[in-house]
C-alpha atoms as a PDB file:
ATOM      1  CA  MET A   1     -50.130 -91.554 -34.727  1.00  0.00           C
ATOM      2  CA  PHE A   2     -47.419 -92.323 -32.688  1.00  0.00           C
ATOM      3  CA  ILE A   3     -46.861 -94.778 -30.122  1.00  0.00           C
ATOM      4  CA  ASN A   4     -44.005 -94.355 -26.942  1.00  0.00           C
ATOM      5  CA  CYS A   5     -42.428 -97.474 -26.008  1.00  0.00           C
ATOM      6  CA  VAL A   6     -40.112 -97.316 -22.893  1.00  0.00           C
ATOM      7  CA  ALA A   7     -37.886-100.347 -21.734  1.00  0.00           C
ATOM      8  CA  SER A   8     -37.032-100.774 -17.974  1.00  0.00           C
ATOM      9  CA  GLU A   9     -34.032-102.217 -17.409  1.00  0.00           C
ATOM     10  CA  ALA A  10     -35.169-103.254 -13.453  1.00  0.00           C
ATOM     11  CA  HIS A  11     -37.944-104.935 -14.170  1.00  0.00           C
ATOM     12  CA  ASN A  12     -37.420-105.724 -17.728  1.00  0.00           C
ATOM     13  CA  LYS A  13     -40.966-104.916 -18.695  1.00  0.00           C
ATOM     14  CA  LEU A  14     -41.909-102.816 -21.520  1.00  0.00           C
ATOM     15  CA  ALA A  15     -44.544-100.038 -20.520  1.00  0.00           C
ATOM     16  CA  LEU A  16     -46.398 -98.394 -23.815  1.00  0.00           C
ATOM     17  CA  THR A  17     -49.018 -95.388 -24.253  1.00  0.00           C
ATOM     18  CA  GLY A  18     -50.568 -93.822 -27.580  1.00  0.00           C
ATOM     19  CA  GLY A  19     -50.280 -90.540 -28.873  1.00  0.00           C
ATOM     20  CA  ALA A  20     -52.572 -89.263 -31.950  1.00  0.00           C
ATOM     21  CA  SER A  21     -49.086 -87.567 -33.713  1.00  0.00           C
ATOM     22  CA  GLY A  22     -48.568 -89.522 -36.812  1.00  0.00           C
ATOM     23  CA  LYS A  23     -45.700 -91.187 -35.152  1.00  0.00           C
ATOM     24  CA  MET A  24     -44.497 -93.973 -33.530  1.00  0.00           C
ATOM     25  CA  LEU A  25     -41.076 -93.875 -30.278  1.00  0.00           C
ATOM     26  CA  ALA A  26     -39.399 -96.344 -28.545  1.00  0.00           C
ATOM     27  CA  ARG A  27     -37.041 -97.059 -26.449  1.00  0.00           C
ATOM     28  CA  ALA A  28     -34.947 -99.524 -25.458  1.00  0.00           C
ATOM     29  CA  SER A  29     -32.373 -98.508 -22.583  1.00  0.00           C
ATOM     30  CA  SER A  30     -30.231 -95.946 -24.371  1.00  0.00           C
ATOM     31  CA  SER A  31     -31.614 -97.415 -27.488  1.00  0.00           C
ATOM     32  CA  VAL A  32     -34.353 -94.623 -29.085  1.00  0.00           C
ATOM     33  CA  TRP A  33     -36.272 -94.967 -32.773  1.00  0.00           C
ATOM     34  CA  LEU A  34     -38.602 -92.851 -34.372  1.00  0.00           C
ATOM     35  CA  LEU A  35     -40.685 -94.419 -37.200  1.00  0.00           C
ATOM     36  CA  GLU A  36     -43.749 -92.037 -38.977  1.00  0.00           C
ATOM     37  CA  LEU A  37     -46.803 -93.894 -39.408  1.00  0.00           C
ATOM     38  CA  PRO A  38     -49.030 -92.043 -41.695  1.00  0.00           C
ATOM     39  CA  ASP A  39     -52.955 -92.955 -39.902  1.00  0.00           C
ATOM     40  CA  ALA A  40     -54.446 -94.899 -42.989  1.00  0.00           C
ATOM     41  CA  PHE A  41     -51.569 -97.679 -41.789  1.00  0.00           C
ATOM     42  CA  ALA A  42     -52.098 -97.430 -38.138  1.00  0.00           C
ATOM     43  CA  LYS A  43     -55.764 -98.862 -38.754  1.00  0.00           C
ATOM     44  CA  LEU A  44     -54.368-101.290 -41.138  1.00  0.00           C
ATOM     45  CA  LEU A  45     -51.725-102.578 -38.759  1.00  0.00           C
ATOM     46  CA  CYS A  46     -55.216-102.222 -35.917  1.00  0.00           C
ATOM     47  CA  LEU A  47     -52.968 -99.821 -34.508  1.00  0.00           C
ATOM     48  CA  ASP A  48     -55.262 -97.103 -33.970  1.00  0.00           C
ATOM     49  CA  GLY A  49     -58.003 -98.643 -31.065  1.00  0.00           C
ATOM     50  CA  ALA A  50     -57.373 -98.127 -27.474  1.00  0.00           C
ATOM     51  CA  GLU A  51     -55.642-100.783 -27.240  1.00  0.00           C
ATOM     52  CA  ALA A  52     -53.083 -99.594 -29.732  1.00  0.00           C
ATOM     53  CA  HIS A  53     -50.109-100.237 -27.691  1.00  0.00           C
ATOM     54  CA  ARG A  54     -50.264-103.325 -27.311  1.00  0.00           C
ATOM     55  CA  ARG A  55     -50.930-104.440 -30.594  1.00  0.00           C
ATOM     56  CA  ALA A  56     -47.880-102.548 -31.638  1.00  0.00           C
ATOM     57  CA  LEU A  57     -45.582-104.751 -28.928  1.00  0.00           C
ATOM     58  CA  GLU A  58     -47.384-107.929 -30.149  1.00  0.00           C
ATOM     59  CA  ILE A  59     -46.210-106.280 -34.318  1.00  0.00           C
ATOM     60  CA  LEU A  60     -42.499-106.361 -32.103  1.00  0.00           C
ATOM     61  CA  LEU A  61     -42.737-109.870 -30.596  1.00  0.00           C
ATOM     62  CA  LEU A  62     -44.205-111.758 -33.012  1.00  0.00           C
ATOM     63  CA  GLU A  63     -41.346-110.413 -35.584  1.00  0.00           C
ATOM     64  CA  GLY A  64     -38.921-110.914 -32.980  1.00  0.00           C
ATOM     65  CA  TYR A  65     -39.662-114.510 -32.802  1.00  0.00           C
ATOM     66  CA  ARG A  66     -40.210-115.111 -36.531  1.00  0.00           C
ATOM     67  CA  CYS A  67     -36.483-114.101 -37.254  1.00  0.00           C
ATOM     68  CA  GLY A  68     -35.276-115.558 -34.721  1.00  0.00           C
ATOM     69  CA  GLU A  69     -33.962-112.489 -32.390  1.00  0.00           C
ATOM     70  CA  LEU A  70     -36.374-113.749 -29.741  1.00  0.00           C
ATOM     71  CA  SER A  71     -37.154-117.224 -27.550  1.00  0.00           C
ATOM     72  CA  GLN A  72     -40.571-117.834 -26.614  1.00  0.00           C
ATOM     73  CA  GLY A  73     -39.611-117.244 -22.908  1.00  0.00           C
ATOM     74  CA  GLN A  74     -39.124-113.846 -24.141  1.00  0.00           C
ATOM     75  CA  VAL A  75     -42.332-113.642 -25.453  1.00  0.00           C
ATOM     76  CA  SER A  76     -44.229-114.967 -22.583  1.00  0.00           C
ATOM     77  CA  GLU A  77     -42.485-113.147 -20.574  1.00  0.00           C
ATOM     78  CA  LEU A  78     -42.398-109.172 -22.236  1.00  0.00           C
ATOM     79  CA  LEU A  79     -45.929-110.144 -23.529  1.00  0.00           C
ATOM     80  CA  GLY A  80     -47.129-110.849 -19.677  1.00  0.00           C
ATOM     81  CA  ILE A  81     -48.383-114.483 -20.029  1.00  0.00           C
ATOM     82  CA  GLY A  82     -47.886-117.956 -19.462  1.00  0.00           C
ATOM     83  CA  PHE A  83     -46.108-121.147 -21.444  1.00  0.00           C
ATOM     84  CA  HIS A  84     -49.482-122.110 -22.982  1.00  0.00           C
ATOM     85  CA  GLU A  85     -51.137-118.680 -23.693  1.00  0.00           C
ATOM     86  CA  THR A  86     -47.672-117.547 -25.197  1.00  0.00           C
ATOM     87  CA  GLU A  87     -48.227-121.193 -27.660  1.00  0.00           C
ATOM     88  CA  GLU A  88     -51.754-120.904 -28.270  1.00  0.00           C
ATOM     89  CA  PHE A  89     -50.608-116.523 -29.051  1.00  0.00           C
ATOM     90  CA  LEU A  90     -47.574-117.807 -31.569  1.00  0.00           C
ATOM     91  CA  GLN A  91     -49.978-119.885 -33.163  1.00  0.00           C
ATOM     92  CA  ALA A  92     -52.730-117.934 -33.584  1.00  0.00           C
ATOM     93  CA  HIS A  93     -50.244-115.881 -35.559  1.00  0.00           C
ATOM     94  CA  HIS A  94     -48.719-118.315 -37.596  1.00  0.00           C
ATOM     95  CA  ALA A  95     -45.533-117.166 -35.789  1.00  0.00           C
ATOM     96  CA  LEU A  96     -42.353-120.004 -36.251  1.00  0.00           C
ATOM     97  CA  PRO A  97     -39.458-119.542 -35.017  1.00  0.00           C
ATOM     98  CA  GLY A  98     -36.566-118.396 -37.075  1.00  0.00           C
ATOM     99  CA  LEU A  99     -34.233-120.988 -38.810  1.00  0.00           C
ATOM    100  CA  GLY A 100     -30.443-120.743 -38.911  1.00  0.00           C
ATOM    101  CA  PRO A 101     -28.368-122.234 -41.455  1.00  0.00           C
ATOM    102  CA  ASP A 102     -27.957-125.170 -39.800  1.00  0.00           C
ATOM    103  CA  GLU A 103     -31.658-126.235 -39.446  1.00  0.00           C
ATOM    104  CA  HIS A 104     -32.326-124.790 -43.436  1.00  0.00           C
ATOM    105  CA  LEU A 105     -28.858-127.487 -44.948  1.00  0.00           C
ATOM    106  CA  ARG A 106     -30.663-130.488 -42.741  1.00  0.00           C
ATOM    107  CA  GLY A 107     -33.601-129.670 -43.689  1.00  0.00           C
ATOM    108  CA  LEU A 108     -32.328-129.487 -47.832  1.00  0.00           C
ATOM    109  CA  GLN A 109     -31.234-132.843 -46.603  1.00  0.00           C
ATOM    110  CA  ASN A 110     -33.669-134.193 -45.454  1.00  0.00           C
ATOM    111  CA  LEU A 111     -35.851-133.487 -48.909  1.00  0.00           C
ATOM    112  CA  GLU A 112     -32.463-134.527 -50.597  1.00  0.00           C
ATOM    113  CA  ARG A 113     -32.961-137.400 -49.217  1.00  0.00           C
ATOM    114  CA  ALA A 114     -36.370-138.144 -49.488  1.00  0.00           C
ATOM    115  CA  LEU A 115     -36.425-137.455 -52.997  1.00  0.00           C
ATOM    116  CA  ALA A 116     -33.554-139.808 -53.744  1.00  0.00           C
ATOM    117  CA  LYS A 117     -36.076-142.814 -52.792  1.00  0.00           C
END
């Protein structure tokens, strides 16, 4: 199985098409990546149906959001949905934004203060 992902700089939209060769191809601007994806894994990731291209995009965006590489607004724009739909989508997939070192340090300091009481 393969999924061909093409990003359009002019419109900032991601167009996806699917196929059946066992590979996933994604292209954005001048970057191209190729990932071998056995059919068994495609099935596990629900990438074997008619909406495989949408599911692949969702997986990519969820991980980008969790890592802090994408904002909620960017996820919303690439999925073509509104603010509230994006919040529901992210909550349904237990996607929390990635925390940077400063946020981790503040959390640790807050925990230490709470435990010291």
